[in-house]
């Protein structure tokens, strides 16, 4: 799925037409997934295909949480809101398996 396709899907899921805002949340989500999947490698910009749906879920989560960043408890008119963390909660990244590579003897030198 390309970034354009992901943005179109985000527009449907969020009901927003603010492309710049959605692109920002998508980039934040991609960054979170890539950092979890490749903790020891730099320069990777594409989310693995198997984590694209999770990336979308994270972007929607961030979109829905805007304006309440860092909130841990909010109670109003019988509605309770709690957030695990100020950014992406660890539970959303739990199923992403970090990948590492053991360098060959030529790469280590």
C-alpha atoms as a PDB file:
ATOM      1  CA  UNK A   1       0.000   0.000   0.000  1.00  0.00           C
ATOM      2  CA  UNK A   2       1.467   3.367  -0.988  1.00  0.00           C
ATOM      3  CA  UNK A   3       1.401   6.469   1.200  1.00  0.00           C
ATOM      4  CA  UNK A   4      -1.266   7.967  -1.078  1.00  0.00           C
ATOM      5  CA  UNK A   5      -3.446   4.881  -0.632  1.00  0.00           C
ATOM      6  CA  UNK A   6      -2.882   4.972   3.120  1.00  0.00           C
ATOM      7  CA  UNK A   7      -3.893   8.654   3.206  1.00  0.00           C
ATOM      8  CA  UNK A   8      -7.077   7.922   1.264  1.00  0.00           C
ATOM      9  CA  UNK A   9      -7.890   5.115   3.687  1.00  0.00           C
ATOM     10  CA  UNK A  10      -7.221   7.436   6.637  1.00  0.00           C
ATOM     11  CA  UNK A  11      -9.617   9.992   5.166  1.00  0.00           C
ATOM     12  CA  UNK A  12     -12.342   7.331   5.090  1.00  0.00           C
ATOM     13  CA  UNK A  13     -11.627   6.043   8.583  1.00  0.00           C
ATOM     14  CA  UNK A  14     -11.378   9.455  10.250  1.00  0.00           C
ATOM     15  CA  UNK A  15     -13.904  11.425   8.208  1.00  0.00           C
ATOM     16  CA  UNK A  16     -11.339  14.212   7.806  1.00  0.00           C
ATOM     17  CA  UNK A  17     -10.250  15.838   4.545  1.00  0.00           C
ATOM     18  CA  UNK A  18      -7.236  17.579   6.108  1.00  0.00           C
ATOM     19  CA  UNK A  19      -4.522  15.872   4.062  1.00  0.00           C
ATOM     20  CA  UNK A  20      -1.647  17.709   5.755  1.00  0.00           C
ATOM     21  CA  UNK A  21      -2.834  16.730   9.243  1.00  0.00           C
ATOM     22  CA  UNK A  22      -3.436  13.118   8.267  1.00  0.00           C
ATOM     23  CA  UNK A  23      -0.042  12.932   6.521  1.00  0.00           C
ATOM     24  CA  UNK A  24       1.589  14.170   9.723  1.00  0.00           C
ATOM     25  CA  UNK A  25      -0.112  11.472  11.810  1.00  0.00           C
ATOM     26  CA  UNK A  26       0.741   8.854   9.192  1.00  0.00           C
ATOM     27  CA  UNK A  27       4.419   9.852   9.316  1.00  0.00           C
ATOM     28  CA  UNK A  28       4.393   9.646  13.118  1.00  0.00           C
ATOM     29  CA  UNK A  29       2.797   6.201  12.950  1.00  0.00           C
ATOM     30  CA  UNK A  30       5.270   5.006  10.323  1.00  0.00           C
ATOM     31  CA  UNK A  31       8.159   6.266  12.427  1.00  0.00           C
ATOM     32  CA  UNK A  32       6.887   4.405  15.502  1.00  0.00           C
ATOM     33  CA  UNK A  33       6.475   1.146  13.571  1.00  0.00           C
ATOM     34  CA  UNK A  34       9.843   1.415  11.785  1.00  0.00           C
ATOM     35  CA  UNK A  35      11.674   2.253  15.033  1.00  0.00           C
ATOM     36  CA  UNK A  36      10.119  -0.785  16.712  1.00  0.00           C
ATOM     37  CA  UNK A  37      10.684  -3.134  13.760  1.00  0.00           C
ATOM     38  CA  UNK A  38      14.266  -2.008  13.039  1.00  0.00           C
ATOM     39  CA  UNK A  39      15.740  -0.779  16.336  1.00  0.00           C
ATOM     40  CA  UNK A  40      19.368  -1.139  15.195  1.00  0.00           C
ATOM     41  CA  UNK A  41      19.159   0.093  11.596  1.00  0.00           C
ATOM     42  CA  UNK A  42      18.943   3.567  10.127  1.00  0.00           C
ATOM     43  CA  UNK A  43      17.752   4.860   6.785  1.00  0.00           C
ATOM     44  CA  UNK A  44      14.667   2.648   6.503  1.00  0.00           C
ATOM     45  CA  UNK A  45      11.644   4.651   5.360  1.00  0.00           C
ATOM     46  CA  UNK A  46       9.137   2.018   4.270  1.00  0.00           C
ATOM     47  CA  UNK A  47       6.905   0.104   6.645  1.00  0.00           C
ATOM     48  CA  UNK A  48       6.919  -3.652   6.006  1.00  0.00           C
ATOM     49  CA  UNK A  49       3.727  -4.765   4.275  1.00  0.00           C
ATOM     50  CA  UNK A  50       2.640  -6.927   7.213  1.00  0.00           C
ATOM     51  CA  UNK A  51       2.654  -3.842   9.495  1.00  0.00           C
ATOM     52  CA  UNK A  52       0.807  -1.421   7.202  1.00  0.00           C
ATOM     53  CA  UNK A  53      -2.582  -2.106   8.806  1.00  0.00           C
ATOM     54  CA  UNK A  54      -1.064  -1.556  12.270  1.00  0.00           C
ATOM     55  CA  UNK A  55       0.435   1.706  10.996  1.00  0.00           C
ATOM     56  CA  UNK A  56      -3.023   2.827   9.900  1.00  0.00           C
ATOM     57  CA  UNK A  57      -4.492   1.906  13.298  1.00  0.00           C
ATOM     58  CA  UNK A  58      -1.811   3.949  15.050  1.00  0.00           C
ATOM     59  CA  UNK A  59      -2.424   6.951  12.775  1.00  0.00           C
ATOM     60  CA  UNK A  60      -6.173   6.802  13.521  1.00  0.00           C
ATOM     61  CA  UNK A  61      -5.402   6.499  17.255  1.00  0.00           C
ATOM     62  CA  UNK A  62      -3.175   9.591  17.112  1.00  0.00           C
ATOM     63  CA  UNK A  63      -5.801  11.496  15.109  1.00  0.00           C
ATOM     64  CA  UNK A  64      -8.560  10.641  17.586  1.00  0.00           C
ATOM     65  CA  UNK A  65      -6.377  11.619  20.527  1.00  0.00           C
ATOM     66  CA  UNK A  66      -5.428  15.074  19.199  1.00  0.00           C
ATOM     67  CA  UNK A  67      -6.010  17.802  21.712  1.00  0.00           C
ATOM     68  CA  UNK A  68      -5.705  15.347  24.592  1.00  0.00           C
ATOM     69  CA  UNK A  69      -2.024  14.462  24.250  1.00  0.00           C
ATOM     70  CA  UNK A  70      -0.495  13.344  27.527  1.00  0.00           C
ATOM     71  CA  UNK A  71      -3.855  13.011  29.232  1.00  0.00           C
ATOM     72  CA  UNK A  72      -3.931  10.142  31.700  1.00  0.00           C
ATOM     73  CA  UNK A  73      -7.429  10.512  33.158  1.00  0.00           C
ATOM     74  CA  UNK A  74     -10.396  12.556  31.989  1.00  0.00           C
ATOM     75  CA  UNK A  75     -13.869  12.163  33.473  1.00  0.00           C
ATOM     76  CA  UNK A  76     -16.759  14.173  32.091  1.00  0.00           C
ATOM     77  CA  UNK A  77     -20.498  13.435  32.049  1.00  0.00           C
ATOM     78  CA  UNK A  78     -19.950   9.764  32.794  1.00  0.00           C
ATOM     79  CA  UNK A  79     -17.247   9.337  30.148  1.00  0.00           C
ATOM     80  CA  UNK A  80     -13.837   8.204  31.386  1.00  0.00           C
ATOM     81  CA  UNK A  81     -10.747   8.561  29.200  1.00  0.00           C
ATOM     82  CA  UNK A  82      -7.352   7.105  30.049  1.00  0.00           C
ATOM     83  CA  UNK A  83      -4.268   7.017  27.843  1.00  0.00           C
ATOM     84  CA  UNK A  84      -1.302   4.700  28.303  1.00  0.00           C
ATOM     85  CA  UNK A  85       1.319   7.183  27.207  1.00  0.00           C
ATOM     86  CA  UNK A  86       1.765  10.575  25.608  1.00  0.00           C
ATOM     87  CA  UNK A  87       2.405   9.058  22.180  1.00  0.00           C
ATOM     88  CA  UNK A  88       1.834   5.555  20.814  1.00  0.00           C
ATOM     89  CA  UNK A  89       0.907   3.122  23.592  1.00  0.00           C
ATOM     90  CA  UNK A  90       3.152   0.075  23.952  1.00  0.00           C
ATOM     91  CA  UNK A  91       0.154  -2.240  23.481  1.00  0.00           C
ATOM     92  CA  UNK A  92      -0.211  -1.037  19.864  1.00  0.00           C
ATOM     93  CA  UNK A  93       3.414  -1.943  19.135  1.00  0.00           C
ATOM     94  CA  UNK A  94       3.416  -5.249  21.017  1.00  0.00           C
ATOM     95  CA  UNK A  95       2.883  -7.462  17.956  1.00  0.00           C
ATOM     96  CA  UNK A  96       5.719  -5.860  15.973  1.00  0.00           C
ATOM     97  CA  UNK A  97       8.750  -8.103  16.071  1.00  0.00           C
ATOM     98  CA  UNK A  98      12.085  -6.248  16.103  1.00  0.00           C
ATOM     99  CA  UNK A  99      14.516  -7.358  13.413  1.00  0.00           C
ATOM    100  CA  UNK A 100      18.260  -7.359  13.793  1.00  0.00           C
ATOM    101  CA  UNK A 101      21.087  -8.468  11.548  1.00  0.00           C
ATOM    102  CA  UNK A 102      24.366  -9.969  12.636  1.00  0.00           C
ATOM    103  CA  UNK A 103      27.092  -8.282  10.584  1.00  0.00           C
ATOM    104  CA  UNK A 104      29.427 -10.440   8.547  1.00  0.00           C
ATOM    105  CA  UNK A 105      33.154 -10.206   9.218  1.00  0.00           C
ATOM    106  CA  UNK A 106      33.553  -7.806   6.248  1.00  0.00           C
ATOM    107  CA  UNK A 107      30.817  -5.493   7.540  1.00  0.00           C
ATOM    108  CA  UNK A 108      32.231  -5.462  11.078  1.00  0.00           C
ATOM    109  CA  UNK A 109      35.560  -4.022   9.913  1.00  0.00           C
END
